Amino acid sequence: MVYATIRQAKDAAEQVAGNGDVNGDVNGDVNGDVNGGLNGELNGGLNGGLNGGLNGQLSGTLNGTLSGTLSGTLSGTLNERQKSVLDFIAATPGVQAQVLIDELLIPRDTLNKIIKTLTDRGLIERRGSKKTGGYYVKK
């Protein structure tokens, strides 16, 4: 059977489909599949690219900073105050904490942290009693 017009073909198709909207069904399915696929690919690609780029850059920066800071701390580098306390102890064996506080103008709590760090790293040791003992550089 050959149809003379598109309208006749559409009418015949609607009758076969039970008077449903063939154009709506077909167009909806096709458009849904095409648009869904394109949107999914575009969104996936854009999101993946943006997230990958941002996360990679942010992660690299944070990891570099943290690694540098931790490596410096863990590898044994001393900050300026720690070096000055160590140098003073080396120049004045048996020096007491109060002398370090007075001479280097370091608060007691800060000095306690520095001494703990230097002791934990095995650079200095305390010898003598609490009252008369002092700090020495380990050899």
Protein backbone atom coordinates (compact mmCIF):
# COMPACT_ATOMS: atom_id res chain seq x y z
CA MET A 1 0.00 0.00 0.00
CA VAL A 2 1.47 3.36 -1.06
CA TYR A 3 0.37 6.51 0.75
CA ALA A 4 -0.14 9.75 -1.12
CA THR A 5 0.67 12.08 1.72
CA ILE A 6 2.55 12.09 4.93
CA ARG A 7 -0.70 12.80 6.72
CA GLN A 8 -2.23 9.62 5.39
CA ALA A 9 0.82 7.64 6.54
CA LYS A 10 0.57 9.20 9.98
CA ASP A 11 -3.14 8.47 10.23
CA ALA A 12 -2.55 4.86 9.26
CA ALA A 13 0.23 4.51 11.81
CA GLU A 14 -1.97 5.99 14.53
CA GLN A 15 -4.68 3.47 13.76
CA VAL A 16 -2.20 0.61 13.96
CA ALA A 17 -0.85 1.92 17.25
CA GLY A 18 -4.31 2.19 18.75
CA ASN A 19 -4.77 5.89 18.07
CA GLY A 20 -1.67 6.73 20.14
CA ASP A 21 0.61 9.57 19.27
CA VAL A 22 3.23 7.84 17.13
CA ASN A 23 5.23 11.02 16.64
CA GLY A 24 5.28 11.67 20.36
CA ASP A 25 6.33 8.12 21.19
CA VAL A 26 8.95 7.88 18.48
CA ASN A 27 10.25 11.39 18.89
CA GLY A 28 10.21 11.08 22.67
CA ASP A 29 12.14 7.84 22.58
CA VAL A 30 14.63 9.05 20.00
CA ASN A 31 15.09 12.47 21.58
CA GLY A 32 15.32 10.95 25.06
CA ASP A 33 17.95 8.45 23.98
CA VAL A 34 19.97 10.97 21.97
CA ASN A 35 19.71 13.80 24.49
CA GLY A 36 20.28 11.51 27.45
CA GLY A 37 23.33 10.00 25.82
CA LEU A 38 24.76 13.37 24.75
CA ASN A 39 24.04 15.01 28.07
CA GLY A 40 25.50 12.08 29.96
CA GLU A 41 28.67 12.11 27.85
CA LEU A 42 29.04 15.89 27.97
CA ASN A 43 28.36 16.14 31.69
CA GLY A 44 30.56 13.16 32.44
CA GLY A 45 33.38 14.55 30.33
CA LEU A 46 33.11 18.08 31.69
CA ASN A 47 32.75 16.99 35.29
CA GLY A 48 35.51 14.44 34.97
CA GLY A 49 37.84 16.95 33.36
CA LEU A 50 37.11 19.75 35.81
CA ASN A 51 37.26 17.53 38.86
CA GLY A 52 40.39 15.78 37.65
CA GLY A 53 42.14 19.05 36.91
CA LEU A 54 41.13 20.80 40.11
CA ASN A 55 41.74 17.79 42.32
CA GLY A 56 45.06 17.07 40.69
CA GLN A 57 46.29 20.64 41.07
CA LEU A 58 44.98 21.03 44.62
CA SER A 59 46.27 17.64 45.66
CA GLY A 60 49.69 18.32 44.16
CA THR A 61 49.99 21.67 45.91
CA LEU A 62 48.85 20.35 49.28
CA ASN A 63 50.96 17.22 49.06
CA GLY A 64 54.02 19.23 48.06
CA THR A 65 53.60 21.66 50.93
CA LEU A 66 52.88 18.96 53.49
CA SER A 67 55.69 16.76 52.25
CA GLY A 68 58.16 19.63 52.38
CA THR A 69 57.14 20.64 55.87
CA LEU A 70 57.07 17.10 57.21
CA SER A 71 60.31 16.12 55.48
CA GLY A 72 62.08 19.14 56.93
CA THR A 73 60.78 18.38 60.40
CA LEU A 74 61.40 14.66 60.24
CA SER A 75 64.75 14.79 58.48
CA GLY A 76 66.32 16.68 61.36
CA THR A 77 66.48 20.25 60.15
CA LEU A 78 66.33 22.70 63.02
CA ASN A 79 64.67 26.09 63.01
CA GLU A 80 66.60 29.21 64.00
CA ARG A 81 65.64 29.15 67.69
CA GLN A 82 66.51 25.48 68.01
CA LYS A 83 69.89 26.14 66.39
CA SER A 84 70.58 29.08 68.69
CA VAL A 85 69.79 26.99 71.80
CA LEU A 86 71.97 24.13 70.54
CA ASP A 87 74.83 26.52 69.73
CA PHE A 88 74.56 28.16 73.16
CA ILE A 89 74.62 24.76 74.92
CA ALA A 90 77.63 23.73 72.83
CA ALA A 91 79.45 26.96 73.79
CA THR A 92 78.41 26.71 77.47
CA PRO A 93 78.33 23.05 78.59
CA GLY A 94 76.23 22.43 81.68
CA VAL A 95 74.11 25.54 81.14
CA GLN A 96 70.86 25.70 83.10
CA ALA A 97 67.45 26.47 81.61
CA GLN A 98 67.12 29.83 83.37
CA VAL A 99 70.38 31.05 81.83
CA LEU A 100 69.11 30.05 78.37
CA ILE A 101 65.86 31.93 79.02
CA ASP A 102 67.70 35.06 80.20
CA GLU A 103 70.43 35.08 77.56
CA LEU A 104 68.39 34.05 74.51
CA LEU A 105 65.19 35.86 75.57
CA ILE A 106 63.06 32.79 74.95
CA PRO A 107 59.84 32.16 76.92
CA ARG A 108 60.04 29.20 79.30
CA ASP A 109 57.36 27.16 77.51
CA THR A 110 59.11 27.68 74.17
CA LEU A 111 62.46 26.67 75.66
CA ASN A 112 60.89 23.54 77.16
CA LYS A 113 59.60 22.53 73.70
CA ILE A 114 62.98 23.22 72.10
CA ILE A 115 64.83 21.23 74.77
CA LYS A 116 62.39 18.34 74.34
CA THR A 117 62.95 18.40 70.56
CA LEU A 118 66.73 18.51 70.91
CA THR A 119 66.66 15.76 73.55
CA ASP A 120 64.32 13.55 71.49
CA ARG A 121 66.62 13.91 68.50
CA GLY A 122 69.56 12.86 70.61
CA LEU A 123 71.43 16.15 70.22
CA ILE A 124 71.55 17.16 73.89
CA GLU A 125 71.17 15.55 77.29
CA ARG A 126 70.57 16.72 80.83
CA ARG A 127 73.08 15.78 83.50
CA GLY A 128 72.94 16.33 87.24
CA SER A 129 70.19 17.08 89.68
CA LYS A 130 67.08 19.12 88.96
CA LYS A 131 68.44 22.00 91.00
CA THR A 132 72.06 22.18 89.85
CA GLY A 133 72.13 20.11 86.64
CA GLY A 134 72.45 21.45 83.15
CA TYR A 135 72.38 20.63 79.46
CA TYR A 136 75.22 19.20 77.39
CA VAL A 137 75.65 18.47 73.70
CA LYS A 138 75.86 14.74 73.09
CA LYS A 139 79.02 13.58 71.35
